[in-house]
Protein backbone atom coordinates (compact mmCIF):
# COMPACT_ATOMS: atom_id res chain seq x y z
CA MET A 1 84.29 103.15 120.41
CA PRO A 2 80.66 104.37 120.29
CA ARG A 3 81.66 107.25 122.55
CA LEU A 4 83.83 108.60 119.69
CA LEU A 5 80.95 108.67 117.21
CA LYS A 6 79.26 112.02 117.84
CA GLN A 7 78.59 113.38 114.34
CA ASP A 8 75.53 112.66 112.20
CA ALA A 9 76.00 111.19 108.74
CA THR A 10 73.86 109.56 106.06
CA TYR A 11 74.84 106.40 104.18
CA TRP A 12 73.55 105.10 100.85
CA GLY A 13 74.67 101.62 99.84
CA PRO A 14 75.87 101.01 96.28
CA PRO A 15 73.13 101.17 93.64
CA ALA A 16 71.41 97.97 92.55
CA ASP A 17 70.65 97.38 88.86
CA ASN A 18 67.09 98.51 88.17
CA GLY A 19 66.76 96.47 84.96
CA PHE A 20 66.67 99.54 82.74
CA GLY A 21 70.39 100.27 82.48
CA GLY A 22 70.52 102.38 85.61
CA GLY A 23 70.76 101.89 89.33
CA THR A 24 68.51 102.38 92.31
CA TYR A 25 69.99 103.31 95.68
CA PRO A 26 68.79 101.64 98.88
CA ALA A 27 67.03 103.84 101.42
CA PRO A 28 69.37 106.20 103.27
CA VAL A 29 70.61 105.11 106.70
CA ALA A 30 71.37 107.56 109.51
CA LEU A 31 74.68 106.85 111.25
CA LYS A 32 76.78 108.27 114.07
CA VAL A 33 80.35 108.80 112.87
CA ARG A 34 83.62 110.58 113.48
CA TRP A 35 84.49 112.39 110.25
CA GLU A 36 88.07 113.59 109.77
CA ASP A 37 89.07 115.64 106.74
CA LYS A 38 92.67 114.54 106.27
CA THR A 39 94.57 112.90 103.46
CA ALA A 40 95.94 109.37 103.58
CA LEU A 41 97.35 106.94 101.06
CA PHE A 42 95.71 103.51 100.83
CA ILE A 43 95.51 100.52 98.52
CA ASP A 44 92.14 100.40 96.74
CA ALA A 45 90.11 97.31 95.81
CA ASN A 46 92.04 97.04 92.51
CA GLY A 47 95.39 96.91 94.34
CA LYS A 48 96.39 100.41 93.25
CA GLU A 49 97.61 103.21 95.46
CA ALA A 50 94.96 105.88 96.00
CA GLN A 51 94.60 108.96 98.17
CA SER A 52 91.64 109.71 100.39
CA THR A 53 90.70 113.20 101.49
CA SER A 54 88.49 112.10 104.40
CA GLN A 55 88.48 109.22 106.86
CA VAL A 56 85.27 108.29 108.63
CA LEU A 57 85.04 106.04 111.69
CA VAL A 58 81.75 104.12 111.77
CA GLY A 59 80.13 101.55 114.04
CA GLN A 60 78.91 99.13 111.36
CA ASP A 61 80.06 97.51 108.14
CA LEU A 62 79.61 99.58 104.97
CA GLN A 63 80.16 98.69 101.30
CA LEU A 64 82.60 99.96 98.70
CA GLY A 65 80.79 102.10 96.16
CA GLY A 66 78.35 103.38 98.77
CA TYR A 67 78.17 107.07 99.66
CA LEU A 68 78.54 109.02 102.91
CA PHE A 69 77.23 112.51 103.59
CA LEU A 70 78.19 114.52 106.66
CA GLY A 71 74.81 115.51 108.05
CA THR A 72 71.29 114.13 107.78
CA SER A 73 69.41 113.60 104.55
CA THR A 74 66.28 111.78 103.44
CA ALA A 75 67.14 112.01 99.73
CA THR A 76 66.53 108.79 97.78
CA SER A 77 69.96 109.07 96.12
CA PRO A 78 73.20 110.54 97.46
CA ALA A 79 72.74 114.18 98.45
CA PRO A 80 74.93 116.90 96.89
CA GLY A 81 78.24 116.77 98.73
CA ALA A 82 78.02 113.04 99.48
CA ARG A 83 81.30 111.24 98.87
CA GLU A 84 81.96 107.76 97.48
CA ILE A 85 83.49 105.12 99.75
CA ARG A 86 86.67 104.03 97.95
CA GLY A 87 88.35 102.08 100.73
CA LEU A 88 87.35 100.22 103.89
CA GLU A 89 89.31 98.99 106.89
CA LYS A 90 88.10 96.72 109.69
CA ILE A 91 90.55 96.37 112.57
CA PRO A 92 89.83 93.97 115.48
CA ASN A 93 90.71 94.69 119.10
CA ILE A 94 93.02 92.32 121.00
CA LYS A 95 90.19 89.88 121.80
CA ALA A 96 88.80 90.17 118.24
CA ASN A 97 85.29 90.71 119.61
CA LYS A 98 84.99 94.40 118.65
CA PHE A 99 86.10 96.21 115.51
CA LEU A 100 87.20 99.65 114.47
CA ARG A 101 85.79 100.39 111.01
CA ARG A 102 87.11 103.17 108.82
CA ALA A 103 85.75 104.33 105.48
CA LEU A 104 88.17 106.14 103.18
CA LEU A 105 86.58 108.70 100.87
């Protein structure tokens, strides 16, 4: 699957409580992805039907509530245009030793 991941993206994990009623984002992480702007229905973490407008194939586990940005960024919080990860899928291959991961935005 790594041969499919040709585009640059930036990932920010979900914010951690900073003790003052707000959140602090972890440092941004540069990723190689395959970003597809297409709609799809999925079941969200609350068990409700939702619609994504983009699907992103990634090579590592991500977290719900994190943000993805198509392109590179060193911003300390999600850059303008970054999109929230609202759904995640992790599909094993036949031997269950490799996984296809898809983030739904």
